[in-house]
Amino acid sequence: MARPVLVFIDTNVAILETHLFFKKLGPELLAAMRKAGARLVVPAILKQEYVKHYVEVSRAARSAMEKGASLGRPFFDQPPPSFFPSDDEIRDRARRNLERLQELIVFVPETDELLLSTSRRVMANNAPSSKTDHGFKDCLIWESVLSVAQDCELHVVSKDKAFYQEDSTDRLADTIVAETQAKGITVYGHHAGKSGNSLDSVLKAILVHVSVDDPNALTGVDATSGATSASAALPSGEDAAGQPEEQVVEHAPTSDVPEAMGVPVQGELDTLLEPMRAENQRIDGTVLGLIALTGAHGKEPFYELLTELGIDVARARNACDRLVLAGLMTDTGSHLLPVPGRISELAAAMVQDEVAELMLRNR
C-alpha cells in the first residue's frame, strides 16, 4: 500500500509566488495532487496567513492598476472599467478559494497541545525557530504539520531559511530531518532560490505518483474546482469534427497502416494537437483579459502591450480575430472594444496580476 503524500506550502510561496495557486504552476500542482491522491496540509494559523497576505498582495496590485488606468484614460475612447474589488471582497474570495480546495486540504486546528509543543520547540531553539524573533509562528505551523504527517511522505515547500541548514538552501535543517525520521516521515525540501519557481521541484515529485497511462491527466484543470479552466472555455479553433465518411479502398489495410477512419487515429490527432490548442487558449485568455481590464484600445498600441506580455504581434492579431469572430470582442476598424460578460470577467481575473506587474514596470 502506497504511503500518504502530504504537501506543506509556506505563505511566501503560496501567496507571493502563486497568488493562492492561480499562477506559476499552482493550477498544475493542484491537478497533479488530485490525480496522485496527495493532500495539502493547512494549519489554522497558516490559513490565516494565506488570507492576510493574499489581501496585502492584491491591495498592491489594485493600487498599480488604478494608477495605470488613470494615466491611460486620456488615450481611451471609453473610460476604463471600475470594478477593482475592495479588501473585504478580496478577503472573501481568498476564503472561498480555500473552501473550494477542501477535498485537497488536511486542516489542522490549533490546540493547547500544539501551543505547548511549540513553546518547547522555541525554548530549545530547534528549527524552524529564529535567533531574532524566535519564530513562534513558524514553529506552530511546523508542529501542526508534524501532528498529521506520521508515516507519510512529506514535501516542504518554503523559501524561509529557518527550515534549512545555515549554509544551504538545498538541505533541510538536521533537526527537522532527524525528528521526521523518528516519526516515520520521509521528508523532502523544495527551495528554488530567488530566480527559480519553488513549485517546479515539488510538481515533479508529485507527478511520480501519477499514472503514466493518463497523458491528459493535467490538461485544462482549474485550480479551484478540478473543472475546465477559464482559459479552456475560450475559443481555440474548431473542435474535433468526428469520424469522416467511410471510404472505399482497393486494398484492405494491413496491420502497419493506421486505421484512418477509426477512433484511435482521431484520439492520436487530438493528443498531437492539444499543445497547440492549449497555447492558443492561453493567448486568447490573455488578450481577452487585457482588453476587459483596460477598456477600448487602438489596435497597434494594444498589440504593443501584448508584446510586453510575451505575445508576438502575429499571434496577437490572430487571437483578436478569433475573439471578434466568437463575439467576445468588437473590432471598429481602428479600435478594439471589450464585450461585457462572464467570460470577459473570468479572463480579466486570470491576467490581473500580470497586467498589474506590467503597469508597475511602465510607471
Protein backbone atom coordinates (compact mmCIF):
# COMPACT_ATOMS: atom_id res chain seq x y z
CA MET A 1 0.00 0.00 0.00
CA ALA A 2 1.38 3.41 -1.02
CA ARG A 3 2.26 5.87 1.71
CA PRO A 4 0.11 9.00 2.03
CA VAL A 5 1.65 12.05 0.36
CA LEU A 6 1.34 15.44 2.08
CA VAL A 7 2.47 18.85 0.83
CA PHE A 8 3.10 21.86 3.06
CA ILE A 9 3.39 25.17 1.15
CA ASP A 10 4.50 28.19 3.15
CA THR A 11 2.93 31.62 2.72
CA ASN A 12 5.95 33.01 0.90
CA VAL A 13 5.29 30.59 -1.96
CA ALA A 14 1.51 30.08 -1.82
CA ILE A 15 0.75 33.80 -1.92
CA LEU A 16 3.75 35.77 -3.17
CA GLU A 17 4.55 33.31 -5.98
CA THR A 18 1.27 31.65 -6.94
CA HIS A 19 -1.39 34.08 -5.60
CA LEU A 20 -3.18 31.21 -3.89
CA PHE A 21 -2.32 28.64 -6.59
CA PHE A 22 -3.70 30.59 -9.56
CA LYS A 23 -0.39 31.18 -11.36
CA LYS A 24 3.18 29.92 -11.77
CA LEU A 25 2.42 26.18 -11.73
CA GLY A 26 -0.19 26.48 -8.96
CA PRO A 27 -3.04 25.00 -11.06
CA GLU A 28 -0.76 22.28 -12.43
CA LEU A 29 0.35 21.27 -8.94
CA LEU A 30 -3.22 21.03 -7.62
CA ALA A 31 -4.24 18.97 -10.64
CA ALA A 32 -1.31 16.61 -10.08
CA MET A 33 -2.15 16.31 -6.39
CA ARG A 34 -5.75 15.37 -7.22
CA LYS A 35 -4.55 12.72 -9.63
CA ALA A 36 -1.96 11.36 -7.19
CA GLY A 37 -4.24 11.45 -4.14
CA ALA A 38 -1.88 13.86 -2.36
CA ARG A 39 -3.16 16.34 0.25
CA LEU A 40 -2.27 19.90 1.18
CA VAL A 41 -1.58 20.46 4.88
CA VAL A 42 -3.01 23.77 6.12
CA PRO A 43 -2.71 24.52 9.84
CA ALA A 44 -5.17 27.05 11.27
CA ILE A 45 -2.57 29.77 11.61
CA LEU A 46 -1.31 29.18 8.06
CA LYS A 47 -4.84 29.61 6.71
CA GLN A 48 -4.98 32.98 8.46
CA GLU A 49 -1.62 33.91 6.93
CA TYR A 50 -2.77 32.86 3.47
CA VAL A 51 -5.80 35.16 3.65
CA LYS A 52 -3.95 38.07 5.25
CA HIS A 53 -1.12 38.15 2.70
CA TYR A 54 -3.48 37.50 -0.22
CA VAL A 55 -5.27 40.72 0.69
CA GLU A 56 -1.98 42.62 1.04
CA VAL A 57 -0.67 41.46 -2.34
CA SER A 58 -3.98 42.23 -4.06
CA ARG A 59 -4.00 45.69 -2.49
CA ALA A 60 -0.66 46.49 -4.12
CA ALA A 61 -1.90 45.15 -7.47
CA ARG A 62 -5.12 47.17 -7.21
CA SER A 63 -3.17 50.35 -6.48
CA ALA A 64 -0.97 49.81 -9.54
CA MET A 65 -3.96 49.07 -11.78
CA GLU A 66 -5.90 52.11 -10.56
CA LYS A 67 -2.91 54.34 -11.23
CA GLY A 68 -2.32 52.79 -14.65
CA ALA A 69 -5.98 53.17 -15.58
CA SER A 70 -5.93 56.81 -14.51
CA LEU A 71 -2.78 57.55 -16.53
CA GLY A 72 -4.19 55.84 -19.62
CA ARG A 73 -7.67 57.38 -19.53
CA PRO A 74 -6.87 60.29 -21.93
CA PHE A 75 -5.94 57.76 -24.63
CA PHE A 76 -9.10 55.61 -24.47
CA ASP A 77 -12.38 56.18 -26.28
CA GLN A 78 -14.15 54.76 -23.25
CA PRO A 79 -13.32 55.12 -19.56
CA PRO A 80 -11.61 52.04 -18.15
CA PRO A 81 -13.85 49.69 -16.15
CA SER A 82 -14.04 50.43 -12.43
CA PHE A 83 -14.51 47.01 -10.91
CA PHE A 84 -11.49 46.87 -8.63
CA PRO A 85 -12.59 44.82 -5.61
CA SER A 86 -12.33 46.06 -2.03
CA ASP A 87 -10.19 44.42 0.67
CA ASP A 88 -13.28 42.73 2.10
CA GLU A 89 -14.20 41.29 -1.31
CA ILE A 90 -10.65 40.03 -1.81
CA ARG A 91 -10.66 38.51 1.67
CA ASP A 92 -13.92 36.70 0.91
CA ARG A 93 -12.51 35.48 -2.40
CA ALA A 94 -9.46 34.02 -0.68
CA ARG A 95 -11.64 32.17 1.80
CA ARG A 96 -13.93 30.87 -0.94
CA ASN A 97 -10.96 29.66 -2.95
CA LEU A 98 -9.68 27.73 0.05
CA GLU A 99 -13.15 26.28 0.64
CA ARG A 100 -13.22 25.01 -2.94
CA LEU A 101 -10.00 23.16 -2.23
CA GLN A 102 -11.33 21.48 0.91
CA GLU A 103 -11.21 17.99 -0.63
CA LEU A 104 -7.45 18.51 -1.10
CA ILE A 105 -6.77 20.05 2.31
CA VAL A 106 -5.87 18.45 5.61
CA PHE A 107 -6.88 21.23 8.01
CA VAL A 108 -5.11 21.23 11.40
CA PRO A 109 -6.94 23.15 14.15
CA GLU A 110 -4.98 24.99 16.79
CA THR A 111 -4.96 23.15 20.15
CA ASP A 112 -3.44 23.69 23.58
CA GLU A 113 -1.23 20.64 22.98
CA LEU A 114 0.20 22.19 19.81
CA LEU A 115 0.78 25.51 21.56
CA LEU A 116 2.66 23.72 24.34
CA SER A 117 4.86 21.71 21.98
CA THR A 118 5.56 24.90 20.02
CA SER A 119 6.71 26.68 23.17
CA ARG A 120 9.07 23.81 23.95
CA ARG A 121 10.48 23.95 20.42
CA VAL A 122 11.12 27.67 20.67
CA MET A 123 12.76 27.29 24.10
CA ALA A 124 15.02 24.57 22.70
CA ASN A 125 15.84 26.77 19.69
CA ASN A 126 15.05 23.91 17.29
CA ALA A 127 14.30 24.66 13.62
CA PRO A 128 12.36 26.47 12.34
CA SER A 129 12.85 28.75 15.35
CA SER A 130 14.70 32.00 14.71
CA LYS A 131 17.51 33.69 16.56
CA THR A 132 15.86 37.07 16.10
CA ASP A 133 12.11 36.76 16.74
CA HIS A 134 12.16 33.12 17.94
CA GLY A 135 9.87 32.19 15.01
CA PHE A 136 6.91 31.16 17.19
CA LYS A 137 4.53 31.32 14.23
CA ASP A 138 6.77 29.14 12.03
CA CYS A 139 7.21 26.68 14.87
CA LEU A 140 3.47 26.45 15.45
CA ILE A 141 2.93 25.77 11.76
CA TRP A 142 5.60 23.07 11.77
CA GLU A 143 4.29 21.39 14.92
CA SER A 144 0.84 21.34 13.30
CA VAL A 145 2.23 19.72 10.14
CA LEU A 146 4.10 17.08 12.15
CA SER A 147 0.94 16.22 14.08
CA VAL A 148 -0.72 14.81 10.95
CA ALA A 149 2.29 13.56 8.95
CA GLN A 150 3.12 10.35 10.85
CA ASP A 151 4.39 7.65 8.43
CA CYS A 152 3.80 9.90 5.40
CA GLU A 153 5.82 11.26 2.51
CA LEU A 154 6.05 14.97 3.27
CA HIS A 155 7.09 17.77 0.89
CA VAL A 156 8.09 21.08 2.48
CA VAL A 157 7.82 23.97 0.02
CA SER A 158 9.27 27.12 1.54
CA LYS A 159 11.80 29.85 0.93
CA ASP A 160 12.09 30.52 4.65
CA LYS A 161 15.73 29.89 5.53
CA ALA A 162 14.68 28.83 9.04
CA PHE A 163 13.75 25.42 7.59
CA TYR A 164 17.18 24.87 6.06
CA GLN A 165 20.76 24.48 7.16
CA GLU A 166 22.54 27.76 7.74
CA ASP A 167 24.98 27.22 4.86
CA SER A 168 22.47 25.80 2.37
CA THR A 169 19.04 26.36 0.84
CA ASP A 170 19.05 22.84 -0.61
CA ARG A 171 19.21 20.80 2.58
CA LEU A 172 16.67 20.88 5.39
CA ALA A 173 17.94 21.56 8.90
CA ASP A 174 19.39 18.50 10.63
CA THR A 175 16.88 18.73 13.49
CA ILE A 176 13.97 18.70 11.02
CA VAL A 177 15.35 15.66 9.21
CA ALA A 178 16.02 13.82 12.49
CA GLU A 179 12.59 14.40 14.02
CA THR A 180 10.74 13.48 10.82
CA GLN A 181 12.72 10.24 10.55
CA ALA A 182 11.80 9.44 14.15
CA LYS A 183 8.11 9.75 13.19
CA GLY A 184 8.49 7.55 10.11
CA ILE A 185 8.18 10.56 7.81
CA THR A 186 10.13 10.76 4.57
CA VAL A 187 10.69 14.49 4.14
CA TYR A 188 11.78 16.50 1.09
CA GLY A 189 12.61 20.21 0.99
CA HIS A 190 11.84 22.37 -2.04
CA HIS A 191 13.54 25.75 -2.23
CA ALA A 192 14.14 27.11 -5.73
CA GLY A 193 16.14 30.19 -4.78
CA LYS A 194 15.46 33.77 -5.84
CA SER A 195 15.39 33.10 -9.59
CA GLY A 196 13.50 29.80 -9.66
CA ASN A 197 9.99 28.53 -9.17
CA SER A 198 9.57 26.70 -5.88
CA LEU A 199 6.69 24.62 -7.25
CA ASP A 200 8.67 23.18 -10.16
CA SER A 201 10.54 20.75 -7.91
CA VAL A 202 7.54 19.58 -5.90
CA LEU A 203 5.41 19.23 -9.05
CA LYS A 204 7.94 16.79 -10.50
CA ALA A 205 7.94 14.86 -7.22
CA ILE A 206 4.13 14.60 -7.18
CA LEU A 207 3.99 13.54 -10.83
CA VAL A 208 5.96 10.43 -9.87
CA HIS A 209 2.73 9.25 -8.21
CA VAL A 210 0.53 9.98 -11.25
CA SER A 211 -0.24 7.12 -13.63
CA VAL A 212 1.69 7.36 -16.88
CA ASP A 213 -1.31 5.72 -18.58
CA ASP A 214 -3.20 9.03 -18.48
CA PRO A 215 -1.21 11.54 -20.59
CA ASN A 216 -4.02 14.09 -20.47
CA ALA A 217 -4.47 13.93 -16.71
CA LEU A 218 -3.45 17.54 -16.15
CA THR A 219 -4.96 19.13 -19.26
CA GLY A 220 -7.34 22.07 -18.72
CA VAL A 221 -7.82 21.56 -14.98
CA ASP A 222 -8.90 24.55 -12.94
CA ALA A 223 -7.02 25.43 -9.77
CA THR A 224 -10.08 25.64 -7.57
CA SER A 225 -12.57 23.08 -8.78
CA GLY A 226 -10.99 20.44 -10.96
CA ALA A 227 -13.25 21.65 -13.78
CA THR A 228 -12.16 23.06 -17.11
CA SER A 229 -10.18 26.26 -16.54
CA ALA A 230 -11.40 29.72 -17.54
CA SER A 231 -8.91 29.85 -20.41
CA ALA A 232 -10.08 26.47 -21.69
CA ALA A 233 -13.58 27.92 -22.06
CA LEU A 234 -12.30 30.45 -24.59
CA PRO A 235 -12.38 29.78 -28.34
CA SER A 236 -9.34 27.94 -29.63
CA GLY A 237 -10.25 26.85 -33.14
CA GLU A 238 -12.52 24.08 -34.28
CA ASP A 239 -13.32 21.03 -32.19
CA ALA A 240 -12.79 17.52 -33.48
CA ALA A 241 -15.23 17.05 -36.33
CA GLY A 242 -15.96 13.39 -35.66
CA GLN A 243 -15.27 10.43 -37.88
CA PRO A 244 -15.06 11.10 -41.63
CA GLU A 245 -17.33 9.28 -44.06
CA GLU A 246 -16.35 5.76 -44.91
CA GLN A 247 -14.13 5.49 -47.98
CA VAL A 248 -13.77 2.61 -50.42
CA VAL A 249 -10.22 1.36 -50.98
CA GLU A 250 -8.96 -1.20 -53.46
CA HIS A 251 -6.70 -2.96 -50.98
CA ALA A 252 -7.54 -3.85 -47.43
CA PRO A 253 -5.33 -2.05 -44.89
CA THR A 254 -2.52 -4.07 -43.36
CA SER A 255 -1.59 -4.10 -39.69
CA ASP A 256 1.05 -1.39 -40.14
CA VAL A 257 -1.37 1.07 -41.81
CA PRO A 258 -3.24 3.46 -39.45
CA GLU A 259 -6.95 2.87 -39.01
CA ALA A 260 -7.70 6.10 -40.86
CA MET A 261 -11.43 6.25 -40.16
CA GLY A 262 -11.35 4.96 -36.60
CA VAL A 263 -11.30 6.47 -33.13
CA PRO A 264 -7.63 5.56 -32.44
CA VAL A 265 -6.40 7.94 -35.15
CA GLN A 266 -8.79 10.68 -34.01
CA GLY A 267 -7.52 10.25 -30.45
CA GLU A 268 -3.89 10.43 -31.55
CA LEU A 269 -4.63 13.53 -33.63
CA ASP A 270 -6.29 15.21 -30.66
CA THR A 271 -3.29 14.37 -28.48
CA LEU A 272 -0.85 15.83 -31.02
CA LEU A 273 -2.94 18.97 -31.48
CA GLU A 274 -3.51 19.51 -27.75
CA PRO A 275 -0.31 21.55 -27.07
CA MET A 276 -1.20 23.97 -29.90
CA ARG A 277 -4.78 24.26 -28.70
CA ALA A 278 -3.62 24.88 -25.15
CA GLU A 279 -1.24 27.62 -26.29
CA ASN A 280 -4.00 29.31 -28.30
CA GLN A 281 -6.28 29.13 -25.27
CA ARG A 282 -3.63 30.75 -23.09
CA ILE A 283 -3.09 33.57 -25.60
CA ASP A 284 -6.83 34.09 -26.12
CA GLY A 285 -7.31 34.31 -22.37
CA THR A 286 -4.53 36.89 -22.01
CA VAL A 287 -5.82 39.03 -24.90
CA LEU A 288 -9.41 38.93 -23.67
CA GLY A 289 -8.38 39.63 -20.09
CA LEU A 290 -6.24 42.62 -21.09
CA ILE A 291 -8.98 44.27 -23.17
CA ALA A 292 -11.51 43.60 -20.40
CA LEU A 293 -9.24 45.22 -17.80
CA THR A 294 -8.07 48.24 -19.78
CA GLY A 295 -11.05 49.07 -21.99
CA ALA A 296 -11.06 50.25 -25.61
CA HIS A 297 -7.72 50.36 -27.43
CA GLY A 298 -6.29 51.41 -30.74
CA LYS A 299 -5.11 48.25 -32.44
CA GLU A 300 -1.40 48.99 -32.73
CA PRO A 301 -0.97 50.24 -29.11
CA PHE A 302 -2.88 47.15 -27.96
CA TYR A 303 -0.58 44.83 -29.91
CA GLU A 304 2.41 46.60 -28.35
CA LEU A 305 1.00 45.96 -24.86
CA LEU A 306 0.59 42.29 -25.73
CA THR A 307 4.21 42.02 -26.87
CA GLU A 308 5.23 43.27 -23.42
CA LEU A 309 3.26 40.32 -22.02
CA GLY A 310 5.27 37.95 -24.22
CA ILE A 311 2.85 37.55 -27.17
CA ASP A 312 4.28 38.41 -30.61
CA VAL A 313 2.29 40.64 -32.95
CA ALA A 314 1.26 37.90 -35.39
CA ARG A 315 -0.19 35.74 -32.60
CA ALA A 316 -1.85 38.80 -31.06
CA ARG A 317 -3.59 39.64 -34.34
CA ASN A 318 -4.75 36.05 -34.78
CA ALA A 319 -6.11 35.94 -31.24
CA CYS A 320 -8.01 39.20 -31.72
CA ASP A 321 -9.52 37.87 -34.96
CA ARG A 322 -10.65 34.68 -33.19
CA LEU A 323 -12.21 36.62 -30.34
CA VAL A 324 -14.01 39.02 -32.70
CA LEU A 325 -15.42 36.07 -34.67
CA ALA A 326 -16.54 34.49 -31.38
CA GLY A 327 -18.38 37.68 -30.40
CA LEU A 328 -16.14 38.28 -27.38
CA MET A 329 -14.52 41.45 -28.75
CA THR A 330 -15.63 44.21 -31.12
CA ASP A 331 -13.45 45.49 -34.00
CA THR A 332 -14.42 49.00 -35.19
CA GLY A 333 -11.71 49.05 -37.83
CA SER A 334 -9.33 51.25 -35.86
CA HIS A 335 -10.09 50.16 -32.31
CA LEU A 336 -10.80 47.00 -30.33
CA LEU A 337 -13.57 47.12 -27.73
CA PRO A 338 -14.36 44.69 -24.90
CA VAL A 339 -17.71 42.90 -24.85
CA PRO A 340 -19.03 42.67 -21.26
CA GLY A 341 -19.90 39.23 -19.96
CA ARG A 342 -18.93 36.41 -17.63
CA ILE A 343 -16.19 35.10 -19.91
CA SER A 344 -14.56 38.54 -20.03
CA GLU A 345 -14.74 38.77 -16.24
CA LEU A 346 -13.05 35.39 -15.83
CA ALA A 347 -10.34 36.30 -18.32
CA ALA A 348 -9.75 39.62 -16.54
CA ALA A 349 -9.35 37.85 -13.20
CA MET A 350 -6.92 35.39 -14.78
CA VAL A 351 -4.49 38.08 -16.02
CA GLN A 352 -4.95 40.87 -13.49
CA ASP A 353 -1.66 40.06 -11.74
CA GLU A 354 0.33 40.13 -14.99
CA VAL A 355 -1.31 43.41 -16.01
CA ALA A 356 -0.56 44.94 -12.62
CA GLU A 357 3.10 43.94 -12.93
CA LEU A 358 3.20 45.41 -16.44
CA MET A 359 1.78 48.71 -15.23
CA LEU A 360 4.29 48.79 -12.38
CA ARG A 361 7.13 48.33 -14.85
CA ASN A 362 5.79 51.11 -17.10
CA ARG A 363 5.25 53.67 -14.37
